[in-house]
Protein backbone atom coordinates (compact mmCIF):
# COMPACT_ATOMS: atom_id res chain seq x y z
CA UNK A 1 13.78 11.12 14.74
CA UNK A 2 14.77 11.28 11.00
CA UNK A 3 11.71 12.54 9.02
CA UNK A 4 13.37 12.80 5.53
CA UNK A 5 16.78 13.09 3.92
CA UNK A 6 17.44 15.44 1.04
CA UNK A 7 20.68 15.38 -0.83
CA UNK A 8 22.57 14.01 -3.82
CA UNK A 9 21.84 10.53 -5.02
CA UNK A 10 25.29 9.05 -4.77
CA UNK A 11 24.37 5.34 -5.56
CA UNK A 12 21.23 3.47 -6.32
CA UNK A 13 20.35 -0.11 -6.65
CA UNK A 14 16.87 -1.54 -6.68
CA UNK A 15 16.85 -2.35 -2.87
CA UNK A 16 19.17 0.34 -1.64
CA UNK A 17 20.42 3.85 -2.16
CA UNK A 18 22.96 6.23 -0.69
CA UNK A 19 22.05 9.80 -0.33
CA UNK A 20 24.77 12.18 0.43
CA UNK A 21 23.61 15.16 2.65
CA UNK A 22 25.96 17.70 4.31
CA UNK A 23 28.86 15.41 3.65
CA UNK A 24 27.46 12.33 5.08
CA UNK A 25 26.42 9.33 3.03
CA UNK A 26 23.03 7.72 4.28
CA UNK A 27 22.45 4.18 3.29
CA UNK A 28 18.72 3.55 3.03
CA UNK A 29 16.68 0.46 2.15
CA UNK A 30 13.90 1.12 -0.33
CA UNK A 31 11.11 -0.73 -2.00
CA UNK A 32 10.97 -1.04 -5.69
CA UNK A 33 8.23 1.50 -6.06
CA UNK A 34 10.52 4.10 -4.77
CA UNK A 35 13.46 2.88 -6.92
CA UNK A 36 11.23 3.58 -9.97
CA UNK A 37 10.85 7.20 -9.02
CA UNK A 38 14.44 7.96 -8.36
CA UNK A 39 16.42 10.51 -10.50
CA UNK A 40 19.74 9.55 -12.20
CA UNK A 41 22.81 9.13 -10.04
CA UNK A 42 24.09 12.57 -9.12
CA UNK A 43 20.75 14.28 -9.03
CA UNK A 44 19.04 15.74 -6.04
CA UNK A 45 16.68 13.50 -4.07
CA UNK A 46 14.36 13.72 -1.19
CA UNK A 47 13.29 10.60 0.56
CA UNK A 48 10.89 10.21 3.58
CA UNK A 49 12.61 8.09 6.16
CA UNK A 50 11.77 5.50 8.79
CA UNK A 51 14.60 4.90 11.30
CA UNK A 52 14.43 1.33 12.85
CA UNK A 53 16.64 0.53 15.69
CA UNK A 54 17.04 -2.99 17.20
CA UNK A 55 19.55 -4.41 19.66
CA UNK A 56 21.80 -5.72 16.90
CA UNK A 57 20.80 -3.51 13.92
CA UNK A 58 20.05 0.05 12.86
CA UNK A 59 18.49 0.64 9.47
CA UNK A 60 17.14 3.61 7.44
CA UNK A 61 14.18 2.89 5.16
CA UNK A 62 13.39 5.40 2.50
CA UNK A 63 10.18 6.12 0.58
CA UNK A 64 9.38 8.40 -2.37
CA UNK A 65 5.75 9.06 -1.23
CA UNK A 66 3.67 9.51 2.07
CA UNK A 67 1.60 6.63 0.94
CA UNK A 68 4.34 4.22 0.80
CA UNK A 69 5.60 5.38 4.15
CA UNK A 70 2.14 5.14 5.72
CA UNK A 71 1.57 1.57 4.29
CA UNK A 72 4.97 0.65 5.72
CA UNK A 73 4.05 1.91 9.09
CA UNK A 74 0.72 -0.06 8.88
CA UNK A 75 2.45 -3.24 7.84
CA UNK A 76 5.13 -3.15 10.61
CA UNK A 77 2.31 -2.63 13.16
CA UNK A 78 1.04 -6.19 12.48
CA UNK A 79 2.66 -8.65 14.69
CA UNK A 80 5.19 -10.83 13.02
CA UNK A 81 5.66 -8.49 10.22
CA UNK A 82 9.05 -6.75 10.36
CA UNK A 83 10.67 -4.07 8.15
CA UNK A 84 12.18 -6.49 5.81
CA UNK A 85 8.85 -8.21 5.01
CA UNK A 86 7.07 -4.83 4.81
CA UNK A 87 9.67 -3.80 2.16
CA UNK A 88 9.28 -6.95 0.33
CA UNK A 89 5.33 -6.51 0.31
CA UNK A 90 5.66 -2.88 -1.00
CA UNK A 91 8.12 -4.04 -3.63
CA UNK A 92 5.73 -6.90 -4.78
CA UNK A 93 2.52 -4.78 -5.06
CA UNK A 94 1.36 -1.27 -5.77
CA UNK A 95 -0.31 0.62 -2.77
CA UNK A 96 -3.63 0.48 -4.54
CA UNK A 97 -3.50 -3.33 -5.24
CA UNK A 98 -2.31 -3.92 -1.64
CA UNK A 99 -5.00 -1.75 -0.08
CA UNK A 100 -7.70 -3.47 -2.22
CA UNK A 101 -6.32 -6.91 -1.28
CA UNK A 102 -6.48 -5.94 2.43
CA UNK A 103 -9.89 -4.35 2.29
CA UNK A 104 -11.44 -7.31 0.45
CA UNK A 105 -9.56 -9.97 2.67
CA UNK A 106 -7.63 -11.34 -0.36
CA UNK A 107 -4.93 -13.01 1.54
CA UNK A 108 -4.11 -15.23 -1.36
CA UNK A 109 -2.95 -12.10 -3.21
CA UNK A 110 -0.63 -10.94 -0.49
CA UNK A 111 0.74 -14.50 0.15
CA UNK A 112 1.67 -14.57 -3.72
CA UNK A 113 4.51 -12.07 -2.92
CA UNK A 114 7.89 -13.73 -2.26
CA UNK A 115 8.68 -14.05 1.36
CA UNK A 116 5.05 -13.78 2.68
CA UNK A 117 3.44 -16.85 4.07
CA UNK A 118 -0.16 -17.59 4.06
CA UNK A 119 -0.63 -17.14 7.87
CA UNK A 120 1.23 -13.76 7.74
CA UNK A 121 -1.04 -12.71 4.88
CA UNK A 122 -4.12 -13.66 6.75
CA UNK A 123 -2.94 -11.70 9.74
CA UNK A 124 -2.23 -8.57 7.57
CA UNK A 125 -5.86 -8.77 6.22
CA UNK A 126 -7.39 -9.31 9.65
CA UNK A 127 -5.30 -6.63 11.55
CA UNK A 128 -5.49 -3.91 8.76
CA UNK A 129 -8.88 -4.31 7.30
CA UNK A 130 -10.23 -1.37 9.38
CA UNK A 131 -7.13 0.80 8.50
CA UNK A 132 -7.63 0.77 4.68
CA UNK A 133 -10.40 2.12 2.44
CA UNK A 134 -11.83 0.35 -0.68
CA UNK A 135 -12.67 3.66 -2.16
CA UNK A 136 -9.08 5.08 -1.73
CA UNK A 137 -7.64 1.80 -2.82
CA UNK A 138 -9.48 1.74 -6.24
CA UNK A 139 -8.96 5.48 -6.80
CA UNK A 140 -5.12 4.94 -6.28
CA UNK A 141 -4.96 1.89 -8.42
CA UNK A 142 -6.87 3.43 -11.29
CA UNK A 143 -9.08 0.34 -12.28
CA UNK A 144 -9.55 -0.65 -15.96
CA UNK A 145 -7.71 2.31 -17.20
CA UNK A 146 -10.13 4.72 -15.60
CA UNK A 147 -8.96 7.87 -13.69
CA UNK A 148 -9.40 8.63 -10.13
CA UNK A 149 -12.25 10.97 -10.81
CA UNK A 150 -14.53 8.16 -12.52
CA UNK A 151 -13.76 5.36 -10.09
CA UNK A 152 -14.03 7.09 -6.66
CA UNK A 153 -17.54 8.38 -7.07
CA UNK A 154 -18.79 5.07 -8.34
CA UNK A 155 -17.51 3.34 -5.25
CA UNK A 156 -18.53 5.98 -2.88
CA UNK A 157 -22.20 5.81 -4.27
CA UNK A 158 -22.23 2.08 -3.91
CA UNK A 159 -20.99 2.13 -0.32
CA UNK A 160 -23.61 5.04 0.41
CA UNK A 161 -26.31 2.93 -1.11
CA UNK A 162 -25.47 -0.19 0.99
CA UNK A 163 -25.26 1.95 4.10
CA UNK A 164 -28.76 3.30 3.26
CA UNK A 165 -29.88 -0.40 3.13
CA UNK A 166 -28.75 -0.92 6.84
CA UNK A 167 -25.24 -2.13 6.41
CA UNK A 168 -22.52 -0.61 8.58
CA UNK A 169 -19.96 1.62 6.88
CA UNK A 170 -17.32 -1.12 7.74
CA UNK A 171 -19.53 -3.87 6.21
CA UNK A 172 -20.42 -1.84 3.13
CA UNK A 173 -16.80 -0.87 2.54
CA UNK A 174 -15.70 -4.60 2.83
CA UNK A 175 -18.61 -5.70 0.61
CA UNK A 176 -17.67 -3.29 -2.16
CA UNK A 177 -13.84 -4.28 -1.80
CA UNK A 178 -14.72 -7.79 -2.35
CA UNK A 179 -16.81 -7.10 -5.43
CA UNK A 180 -14.14 -5.00 -6.98
CA UNK A 181 -11.58 -7.64 -6.37
CA UNK A 182 -13.69 -10.51 -7.65
CA UNK A 183 -15.54 -8.74 -10.44
CA UNK A 184 -13.41 -6.35 -12.46
CA UNK A 185 -16.11 -6.27 -15.14
CA UNK A 186 -18.49 -4.41 -12.72
CA UNK A 187 -18.17 -0.94 -13.96
CA UNK A 188 -21.12 0.93 -12.73
CA UNK A 189 -22.71 1.45 -9.24
CA UNK A 190 -25.84 -0.57 -9.84
CA UNK A 191 -23.73 -3.66 -10.81
CA UNK A 192 -21.59 -3.23 -7.81
CA UNK A 193 -24.57 -3.09 -5.41
CA UNK A 194 -26.21 -6.07 -7.06
CA UNK A 195 -23.18 -8.17 -6.76
CA UNK A 196 -22.36 -7.05 -3.20
CA UNK A 197 -25.90 -8.16 -2.08
CA UNK A 198 -25.48 -11.50 -3.66
CA UNK A 199 -22.22 -12.15 -1.66
C-alpha cells in the first residue's frame, strides 16, 4: 500500500498532478483543495496517497492534508459513492463546511455540488452523521471570521449543557450542528442552547 509520495512536482493541473520520485512519474488525481496548496512546478512536494484498484482501472489519489484523506475515506465508505464523486465533493466544499453539512443533516448543501444527486447527498448525511463532529467542523471552518480558539469552546459548552439537560451526546451534537448551520448569527453559547431547544 502506498501511504504517500514525496518528490518533484513535474506537472500540475486543477484535478491532476505528476510527482516524480526516484525516476518514476506518479500521476495522481487530486481535489481542488490540494491544488491550492501545491508549490510551483519543479518544487518538492509530499502528497498523502490512496491507491484504488478496480478490475478495469488503477488510480492514485493525492491529498495535501490528513483531513482531506480521512474525509475521502469516509465518503468512499458510503454505498454508491465512488472515488470520483468523493473527489468532486472535496473539490466543491471545504472540509469544515462538508463536516458541518453532514453533522446537521444538510443534504441540500451537499447536493448543490456538481455531480452529486439528492439521494446520494441524503445517504452521505445518514451514513456519516455519527462519524463527524459539529465542534470540529466549526473549529476547522472558522465561523464568522473567528479563530478556532473562540469557536470550539462555545460549541463544546453548548453540547455539554444539552447533555446535562438529558440529551445524548449524539443528539446534542446534531442539535448544535443544525443551529450553527441555520443560524450563523448565534455567536454565544446561550443563544445556541436556546435555539437548539426550540428546534
